[in-house]
N, C-alpha and C. Protein backbone atom coordinates (compact mmCIF):
# COMPACT_ATOMS: atom_id res chain seq x y z
N PHE A 1 1.37 4.17 10.27
CA PHE A 1 1.41 4.30 8.83
C PHE A 1 2.62 3.56 8.29
N LEU A 2 2.46 2.97 7.13
CA LEU A 2 3.59 2.49 6.36
C LEU A 2 3.98 3.60 5.41
N LEU A 3 5.26 3.88 5.29
CA LEU A 3 5.74 4.84 4.32
C LEU A 3 6.64 4.08 3.36
N ILE A 4 6.25 4.06 2.10
CA ILE A 4 6.98 3.30 1.08
C ILE A 4 7.63 4.29 0.12
N ASP A 5 8.96 4.22 0.00
CA ASP A 5 9.67 5.00 -1.00
C ASP A 5 9.73 4.15 -2.26
N LEU A 6 9.16 4.66 -3.33
CA LEU A 6 9.14 3.87 -4.56
C LEU A 6 9.26 4.76 -5.79
N LYS A 7 9.63 4.12 -6.87
CA LYS A 7 9.73 4.78 -8.17
C LYS A 7 8.99 3.91 -9.17
N LEU A 8 7.99 4.49 -9.79
CA LEU A 8 7.20 3.79 -10.80
C LEU A 8 7.83 4.04 -12.17
N HIS A 9 8.15 2.97 -12.91
CA HIS A 9 8.86 3.08 -14.18
C HIS A 9 7.92 3.05 -15.39
N GLN A 10 6.69 2.63 -15.18
CA GLN A 10 5.70 2.64 -16.25
C GLN A 10 4.33 2.76 -15.62
N LYS A 11 3.39 3.30 -16.38
CA LYS A 11 2.02 3.44 -15.87
C LYS A 11 1.45 2.05 -15.56
N ILE A 12 0.65 1.99 -14.53
CA ILE A 12 0.03 0.74 -14.12
C ILE A 12 -1.19 0.50 -15.01
N SER A 13 -1.24 -0.66 -15.63
CA SER A 13 -2.33 -0.95 -16.57
C SER A 13 -3.55 -1.58 -15.89
N ARG A 14 -3.36 -2.27 -14.79
CA ARG A 14 -4.46 -2.93 -14.07
C ARG A 14 -4.30 -2.65 -12.59
N SER A 15 -5.18 -3.16 -11.79
CA SER A 15 -5.08 -2.97 -10.34
C SER A 15 -3.72 -3.43 -9.83
N LEU A 16 -3.19 -2.70 -8.84
CA LEU A 16 -1.97 -3.10 -8.15
C LEU A 16 -2.34 -3.28 -6.68
N ILE A 17 -2.46 -4.52 -6.28
CA ILE A 17 -2.90 -4.85 -4.93
C ILE A 17 -1.68 -4.97 -4.02
N PHE A 18 -1.70 -4.20 -2.95
CA PHE A 18 -0.69 -4.29 -1.89
C PHE A 18 -1.38 -4.96 -0.72
N ARG A 19 -0.84 -6.11 -0.29
CA ARG A 19 -1.53 -6.96 0.68
C ARG A 19 -0.64 -7.26 1.87
N ILE A 20 -1.25 -7.31 3.03
CA ILE A 20 -0.62 -7.76 4.27
C ILE A 20 -1.37 -9.02 4.70
N ASP A 21 -0.63 -10.08 4.99
CA ASP A 21 -1.25 -11.34 5.42
C ASP A 21 -1.03 -11.57 6.90
N CYS A 22 -2.02 -12.19 7.52
CA CYS A 22 -1.98 -12.45 8.97
C CYS A 22 -2.45 -13.88 9.23
N ASN A 23 -1.73 -14.83 8.69
CA ASN A 23 -2.03 -16.26 8.81
C ASN A 23 -3.35 -16.61 8.13
N TYR A 24 -3.24 -17.41 7.07
CA TYR A 24 -4.36 -17.79 6.21
C TYR A 24 -5.58 -18.20 7.04
N PRO A 25 -6.73 -17.69 6.67
CA PRO A 25 -7.10 -16.88 5.51
C PRO A 25 -7.13 -15.38 5.80
N CYS A 26 -6.53 -14.95 6.89
CA CYS A 26 -6.56 -13.55 7.29
C CYS A 26 -5.68 -12.70 6.36
N THR A 27 -6.25 -11.64 5.80
CA THR A 27 -5.52 -10.76 4.90
C THR A 27 -6.22 -9.41 4.82
N GLY A 28 -5.49 -8.41 4.42
CA GLY A 28 -6.05 -7.08 4.17
C GLY A 28 -5.29 -6.47 3.02
N SER A 29 -6.00 -5.81 2.09
CA SER A 29 -5.32 -5.28 0.91
C SER A 29 -5.84 -3.90 0.52
N VAL A 30 -5.00 -3.21 -0.25
CA VAL A 30 -5.31 -1.88 -0.77
C VAL A 30 -4.91 -1.87 -2.24
N ASP A 31 -5.75 -1.30 -3.10
CA ASP A 31 -5.39 -1.13 -4.50
C ASP A 31 -4.61 0.18 -4.62
N LEU A 32 -3.34 0.09 -4.98
CA LEU A 32 -2.48 1.28 -5.09
C LEU A 32 -2.63 2.02 -6.41
N LYS A 33 -3.27 1.41 -7.40
CA LYS A 33 -3.36 2.06 -8.71
C LYS A 33 -3.98 3.45 -8.63
N PRO A 34 -5.12 3.64 -7.95
CA PRO A 34 -5.69 5.00 -7.90
C PRO A 34 -4.76 6.01 -7.21
N LEU A 35 -3.99 5.55 -6.23
CA LEU A 35 -3.07 6.45 -5.53
C LEU A 35 -1.88 6.82 -6.40
N LEU A 36 -1.36 5.85 -7.14
CA LEU A 36 -0.14 6.07 -7.90
C LEU A 36 -0.35 6.77 -9.24
N GLN A 37 -1.57 6.79 -9.74
CA GLN A 37 -1.82 7.42 -11.03
C GLN A 37 -1.49 8.91 -11.04
N ALA A 38 -1.54 9.55 -9.89
CA ALA A 38 -1.29 10.99 -9.81
C ALA A 38 0.20 11.33 -9.78
N TYR A 39 1.06 10.34 -9.58
CA TYR A 39 2.48 10.60 -9.44
C TYR A 39 3.21 10.46 -10.77
N PRO A 40 4.30 11.21 -10.95
CA PRO A 40 5.08 11.11 -12.19
C PRO A 40 5.88 9.82 -12.26
N LEU A 41 6.20 9.42 -13.46
CA LEU A 41 7.04 8.25 -13.67
C LEU A 41 8.50 8.60 -13.40
N ASN A 42 9.26 7.58 -13.03
CA ASN A 42 10.71 7.67 -12.88
C ASN A 42 11.19 8.72 -11.89
N GLU A 43 10.38 8.98 -10.87
CA GLU A 43 10.77 9.87 -9.79
C GLU A 43 10.46 9.18 -8.47
N TRP A 44 11.37 9.29 -7.52
CA TRP A 44 11.14 8.70 -6.21
C TRP A 44 10.04 9.47 -5.49
N ILE A 45 9.11 8.74 -4.89
CA ILE A 45 8.05 9.33 -4.08
C ILE A 45 7.99 8.57 -2.75
N SER A 46 7.41 9.19 -1.77
CA SER A 46 7.14 8.54 -0.49
C SER A 46 5.64 8.44 -0.34
N LEU A 47 5.13 7.23 -0.35
CA LEU A 47 3.70 6.97 -0.32
C LEU A 47 3.27 6.51 1.07
N PRO A 48 2.51 7.34 1.82
CA PRO A 48 2.04 6.91 3.14
C PRO A 48 0.74 6.11 3.01
N ILE A 49 0.67 4.98 3.69
CA ILE A 49 -0.54 4.16 3.70
C ILE A 49 -0.88 3.85 5.15
N PRO A 50 -2.01 4.35 5.63
CA PRO A 50 -2.40 4.07 7.01
C PRO A 50 -2.61 2.57 7.23
N LEU A 51 -2.15 2.07 8.37
CA LEU A 51 -2.37 0.67 8.70
C LEU A 51 -3.86 0.37 8.81
N ARG A 52 -4.67 1.38 9.12
CA ARG A 52 -6.12 1.17 9.21
C ARG A 52 -6.70 0.72 7.87
N CYS A 53 -6.05 1.05 6.75
CA CYS A 53 -6.53 0.58 5.44
C CYS A 53 -6.55 -0.95 5.41
N PHE A 54 -5.49 -1.55 5.94
CA PHE A 54 -5.39 -3.02 5.95
C PHE A 54 -6.32 -3.62 7.00
N ALA A 55 -6.41 -2.97 8.15
CA ALA A 55 -7.32 -3.44 9.20
C ALA A 55 -8.76 -3.36 8.73
N ASN A 56 -9.14 -2.26 8.07
CA ASN A 56 -10.50 -2.12 7.54
C ASN A 56 -10.81 -3.19 6.50
N ALA A 57 -9.77 -3.68 5.81
CA ALA A 57 -9.96 -4.70 4.77
C ALA A 57 -9.85 -6.12 5.33
N GLY A 58 -9.69 -6.26 6.66
CA GLY A 58 -9.72 -7.59 7.26
C GLY A 58 -8.45 -8.08 7.91
N ALA A 59 -7.36 -7.33 7.85
CA ALA A 59 -6.11 -7.80 8.45
C ALA A 59 -6.14 -7.65 9.97
N ASP A 60 -5.63 -8.66 10.66
CA ASP A 60 -5.42 -8.60 12.10
C ASP A 60 -4.00 -8.13 12.31
N LEU A 61 -3.82 -6.85 12.63
CA LEU A 61 -2.49 -6.26 12.72
C LEU A 61 -1.66 -6.80 13.88
N SER A 62 -2.26 -7.54 14.77
CA SER A 62 -1.50 -8.13 15.88
C SER A 62 -0.93 -9.50 15.50
N ASN A 63 -1.18 -9.96 14.27
CA ASN A 63 -0.81 -11.32 13.89
C ASN A 63 -0.27 -11.37 12.45
N ILE A 64 0.57 -10.41 12.06
CA ILE A 64 1.08 -10.34 10.69
C ILE A 64 2.19 -11.38 10.49
N ASN A 65 2.07 -12.15 9.40
CA ASN A 65 3.12 -13.11 9.08
C ASN A 65 3.76 -12.82 7.71
N SER A 66 3.15 -11.97 6.92
CA SER A 66 3.71 -11.59 5.63
C SER A 66 3.37 -10.12 5.40
N PRO A 67 4.31 -9.21 5.68
CA PRO A 67 3.98 -7.80 5.74
C PRO A 67 3.90 -7.06 4.41
N MET A 68 4.33 -7.67 3.31
CA MET A 68 4.35 -6.90 2.07
C MET A 68 4.25 -7.82 0.86
N ASN A 69 3.09 -7.79 0.20
CA ASN A 69 2.87 -8.58 -1.01
C ASN A 69 2.26 -7.66 -2.06
N PHE A 70 2.80 -7.71 -3.28
CA PHE A 70 2.23 -6.96 -4.39
C PHE A 70 1.72 -7.96 -5.42
N GLU A 71 0.57 -7.65 -6.02
CA GLU A 71 0.07 -8.50 -7.10
C GLU A 71 -0.68 -7.66 -8.12
N THR A 72 -0.52 -8.03 -9.37
CA THR A 72 -1.24 -7.39 -10.46
C THR A 72 -1.37 -8.40 -11.59
N LYS A 73 -2.37 -8.23 -12.41
CA LYS A 73 -2.52 -9.05 -13.61
C LYS A 73 -2.01 -8.29 -14.83
N GLY A 74 -1.59 -7.05 -14.60
CA GLY A 74 -1.02 -6.23 -15.66
C GLY A 74 0.49 -6.24 -15.58
N LYS A 75 1.11 -5.36 -16.38
CA LYS A 75 2.55 -5.23 -16.34
C LYS A 75 2.91 -4.24 -15.24
N LEU A 76 4.05 -4.49 -14.61
CA LEU A 76 4.47 -3.64 -13.51
C LEU A 76 5.99 -3.57 -13.49
N LYS A 77 6.49 -2.36 -13.41
CA LYS A 77 7.92 -2.16 -13.21
C LYS A 77 8.07 -1.02 -12.22
N LEU A 78 8.51 -1.36 -11.00
CA LEU A 78 8.73 -0.35 -9.98
C LEU A 78 9.93 -0.72 -9.15
N SER A 79 10.52 0.30 -8.54
CA SER A 79 11.64 0.10 -7.61
C SER A 79 11.17 0.50 -6.23
N ILE A 80 11.58 -0.27 -5.23
CA ILE A 80 11.25 0.04 -3.84
C ILE A 80 12.56 0.35 -3.13
N GLY A 81 12.62 1.55 -2.53
CA GLY A 81 13.84 1.97 -1.86
C GLY A 81 13.81 1.67 -0.38
N ASP A 82 12.67 1.89 0.26
CA ASP A 82 12.59 1.74 1.70
C ASP A 82 11.12 1.59 2.09
N VAL A 83 10.88 0.82 3.13
CA VAL A 83 9.54 0.69 3.72
C VAL A 83 9.73 0.82 5.22
N ARG A 84 8.97 1.74 5.83
CA ARG A 84 9.14 1.93 7.27
C ARG A 84 7.82 2.33 7.91
N LEU A 85 7.74 2.12 9.21
CA LEU A 85 6.59 2.56 9.98
C LEU A 85 6.84 3.98 10.47
N ILE A 86 5.85 4.85 10.33
CA ILE A 86 5.96 6.22 10.81
C ILE A 86 4.66 6.62 11.49
N LYS A 87 4.70 7.73 12.19
CA LYS A 87 3.49 8.26 12.80
C LYS A 87 3.10 9.52 12.04
N LEU A 88 1.88 9.54 11.51
CA LEU A 88 1.31 10.70 10.85
C LEU A 88 0.09 11.14 11.63
N PRO A 89 -0.36 12.36 11.44
CA PRO A 89 -1.55 12.82 12.16
C PRO A 89 -2.76 11.93 11.87
N GLU A 90 -3.58 11.72 12.88
CA GLU A 90 -4.81 10.94 12.71
C GLU A 90 -5.75 11.60 11.71
N SER A 91 -5.54 12.89 11.45
CA SER A 91 -6.40 13.60 10.50
C SER A 91 -6.14 13.19 9.05
N PHE A 92 -5.06 12.44 8.79
CA PHE A 92 -4.78 11.94 7.45
C PHE A 92 -5.98 11.11 7.02
N SER A 93 -6.62 11.47 5.92
CA SER A 93 -7.97 10.98 5.62
C SER A 93 -8.06 9.61 4.94
N LEU A 94 -7.00 9.10 4.37
CA LEU A 94 -7.08 7.85 3.63
C LEU A 94 -7.58 6.71 4.52
N CYS A 95 -8.60 6.00 4.06
CA CYS A 95 -9.20 4.84 4.73
C CYS A 95 -9.91 5.17 6.04
N ARG A 96 -10.32 6.39 6.21
CA ARG A 96 -11.08 6.75 7.41
C ARG A 96 -12.54 6.38 7.20
N ASP A 97 -13.15 5.84 8.23
CA ASP A 97 -14.57 5.47 8.16
C ASP A 97 -15.49 6.69 8.19
N ASP A 98 -15.01 7.78 8.75
CA ASP A 98 -15.87 8.95 8.93
C ASP A 98 -15.75 9.99 7.82
N LYS A 99 -15.26 9.58 6.63
CA LYS A 99 -15.13 10.52 5.52
C LYS A 99 -16.49 10.90 4.99
């Protein structure tokens, strides 16, 4: 899992794509907008994202060359405090195929 400590300073108006690249054209992305809408503004949160989300979206996790890309066509103001790899229980349901 990636664990991202972040603070959102304004509501996200459009999709916020978080992408991992693995040598063009290999990439995998997750839209963070649905996840972040539930969190309060201007407070630090720790957002866990399973690596399987990126693998399910096409990323080859054995060949990452750009580990963190954000893109949106809307306005975005956020702070990132830390990004780290952690181990969470496999029962964590986000991006599971068997949901």
